Protein backbone atom coordinates (compact mmCIF):
# COMPACT_ATOMS: atom_id res chain seq x y z
CA MET A 1 -14.64 1.34 -4.68
CA PRO A 2 -14.51 2.37 -8.36
CA LEU A 3 -17.34 4.71 -9.08
CA ASN A 4 -17.11 4.83 -12.85
CA MET A 5 -18.27 1.33 -13.58
CA ARG A 6 -21.34 1.23 -15.72
CA PHE A 7 -23.35 -1.90 -16.48
CA ARG A 8 -26.59 -2.83 -18.21
CA PHE A 9 -29.31 -3.97 -15.90
CA SER A 10 -31.46 -6.91 -17.00
CA PRO A 11 -34.15 -7.30 -14.29
CA ALA A 12 -35.46 -10.61 -15.70
CA LYS A 13 -32.23 -12.43 -15.07
CA ASP A 14 -31.07 -13.91 -11.78
CA GLY A 15 -28.33 -12.72 -9.38
CA LEU A 16 -25.27 -10.99 -10.77
CA VAL A 17 -26.29 -12.07 -14.29
CA LYS A 18 -28.63 -9.09 -14.03
CA VAL A 19 -25.57 -6.87 -14.57
CA LEU A 20 -22.84 -9.18 -15.86
CA GLY A 21 -23.26 -11.74 -18.54
CA PRO A 22 -23.44 -15.44 -17.50
CA LEU A 23 -19.81 -16.13 -18.37
CA GLU A 24 -18.63 -12.85 -16.74
CA THR A 25 -20.51 -13.88 -13.62
CA GLU A 26 -18.91 -17.34 -13.52
CA ILE A 27 -15.44 -15.86 -14.04
CA MET A 28 -15.97 -13.29 -11.32
CA GLN A 29 -17.28 -16.02 -8.97
CA ILE A 30 -14.03 -17.93 -9.60
CA LEU A 31 -11.80 -14.91 -9.02
CA TRP A 32 -13.71 -13.72 -5.93
CA GLN A 33 -13.04 -17.23 -4.58
CA GLU A 34 -9.44 -17.59 -5.63
CA GLU A 35 -8.48 -13.93 -5.26
CA ARG A 36 -6.07 -14.13 -8.25
CA SER A 37 -5.71 -16.34 -11.27
CA THR A 38 -4.59 -16.70 -14.85
CA VAL A 39 -6.73 -17.17 -17.98
CA LYS A 40 -5.30 -20.72 -18.18
CA LYS A 41 -6.44 -21.64 -14.67
CA VAL A 42 -9.89 -20.02 -15.09
CA HIS A 43 -10.30 -21.78 -18.42
CA ARG A 44 -9.35 -25.14 -16.78
CA ARG A 45 -12.05 -24.65 -14.11
CA LEU A 46 -14.75 -23.67 -16.60
CA SER A 47 -13.85 -26.47 -19.08
CA ALA A 48 -14.39 -29.03 -16.33
CA GLN A 49 -18.04 -28.08 -16.47
CA ARG A 50 -18.62 -27.46 -20.21
CA GLU A 51 -16.86 -26.96 -23.46
CA ILE A 52 -15.44 -23.42 -23.82
CA ALA A 53 -12.75 -21.91 -25.95
CA TYR A 54 -9.61 -20.58 -24.26
CA THR A 55 -9.90 -17.41 -26.36
CA THR A 56 -13.47 -16.82 -25.15
CA VAL A 57 -12.25 -16.87 -21.51
CA MET A 58 -9.31 -14.64 -22.40
CA THR A 59 -11.50 -12.10 -24.22
CA THR A 60 -14.10 -12.03 -21.43
CA MET A 61 -11.44 -11.53 -18.72
CA SER A 62 -9.83 -8.70 -20.78
CA ARG A 63 -13.29 -7.07 -21.03
CA LEU A 64 -13.83 -7.34 -17.33
CA ALA A 65 -10.43 -5.68 -16.83
CA GLU A 66 -11.48 -2.83 -19.27
CA LYS A 67 -14.75 -2.44 -17.21
CA GLY A 68 -12.68 -1.96 -14.10
CA VAL A 69 -13.99 -5.14 -12.30
CA LEU A 70 -10.64 -6.97 -12.69
CA ASN A 71 -7.05 -5.80 -12.34
CA ARG A 72 -4.40 -7.46 -14.38
CA HIS A 73 -0.67 -7.39 -14.44
CA ARG A 74 1.94 -9.40 -16.32
CA GLU A 75 3.89 -12.13 -14.60
CA GLY A 76 6.29 -13.68 -17.08
CA LEU A 77 4.37 -14.57 -20.22
CA ALA A 78 0.91 -14.56 -18.61
CA TYR A 79 -1.40 -11.98 -17.22
CA VAL A 80 -2.54 -12.51 -13.64
CA TYR A 81 -6.01 -11.25 -12.87
CA ALA A 82 -7.43 -10.18 -9.52
CA PRO A 83 -10.75 -8.67 -8.52
CA ALA A 84 -10.59 -4.85 -8.42
CA ILE A 85 -13.57 -4.86 -6.11
CA SER A 86 -14.96 -7.31 -3.59
CA GLU A 87 -18.21 -9.10 -4.39
CA GLU A 88 -19.96 -7.35 -1.53
CA ASP A 89 -18.75 -3.88 -2.75
CA PHE A 90 -19.73 -4.75 -6.34
CA VAL A 91 -23.21 -5.73 -5.28
CA THR A 92 -23.54 -2.55 -3.21
CA MET A 93 -22.36 -0.38 -6.15
CA VAL A 94 -24.83 -2.02 -8.51
CA VAL A 95 -27.78 -1.68 -6.14
CA ARG A 96 -26.89 1.96 -5.69
CA GLN A 97 -26.66 2.58 -9.43
CA VAL A 98 -30.05 0.87 -10.09
CA LEU A 99 -31.82 2.63 -7.23
CA ASP A 100 -30.21 6.02 -8.03
CA GLY A 101 -31.52 5.70 -11.57
CA LEU A 102 -35.05 4.73 -10.45
CA LEU A 103 -35.27 7.35 -7.76
CA ASP A 104 -33.85 10.06 -9.94
CA ASP A 105 -36.36 9.35 -12.76
CA TYR A 106 -39.36 7.76 -11.00
CA SER A 107 -39.15 8.63 -7.30
CA ASP A 108 -42.83 8.48 -6.39
CA THR A 109 -43.51 5.22 -8.29
CA ALA A 110 -40.30 3.51 -7.00
CA ILE A 111 -40.96 4.43 -3.34
CA GLU A 112 -44.67 3.49 -3.54
CA TYR A 113 -43.80 0.12 -5.16
CA MET A 114 -41.05 -0.62 -2.62
CA ILE A 115 -43.42 0.02 0.28
CA ASP A 116 -46.21 -2.10 -1.34
CA TYR A 117 -43.76 -4.87 -2.17
CA LEU A 118 -42.35 -5.03 1.39
CA ALA A 119 -45.93 -4.92 2.90
CA ARG A 120 -46.86 -7.93 0.75
CA ASN A 121 -43.64 -9.94 0.82
CA ASN A 122 -41.57 -8.92 3.79
CA PRO A 123 -43.39 -7.05 6.61
CA THR A 124 -40.36 -7.42 8.87
CA GLU A 125 -38.18 -5.46 6.40
CA LEU A 126 -40.98 -2.88 6.11
CA LYS A 127 -40.87 -2.39 9.91
CA ARG A 128 -37.01 -2.08 9.70
CA LEU A 129 -37.43 0.55 6.98
CA GLN A 130 -40.01 2.46 9.01
CA THR A 131 -37.59 2.45 12.00
CA ALA A 132 -34.70 3.60 9.82
CA ILE A 133 -36.85 6.44 8.45
CA GLN A 134 -37.90 7.52 11.92
CA SER A 135 -34.32 7.53 13.20
CA ARG A 136 -33.23 9.77 10.31
CA THR A 137 -36.13 12.17 10.49
CA GLY A 138 -36.56 12.33 14.24
CA ALA A 139 -40.25 11.41 13.82
């Protein structure tokens, strides 16, 4: 799993759009589904849903490759793109980056909020967290 990927985190947005732009997210969803594709094929899928310029898709896919999320290699005249990381590993990496940042800078606040949030919204997960903490501390 590439560890040098850095992304902006926009908490007000939904899903992967929190760390990828809306178009980047759509492109990644297509590539995670198809495993490999060209700009032409991705553009064809996206244009079936809305009007979008080929060059916009090409630029976005190139940027995703520069960020390390996509791999690309030339086959004939076209580049073929493939995910450099699975969707599950990508989500895990992003969650770790966000939580590392919060816990490094605001440990007490982040932990207190997480406990309060789980107590209010998901008591089952709070119990699971309590069990996990006990198993790691021997308490």
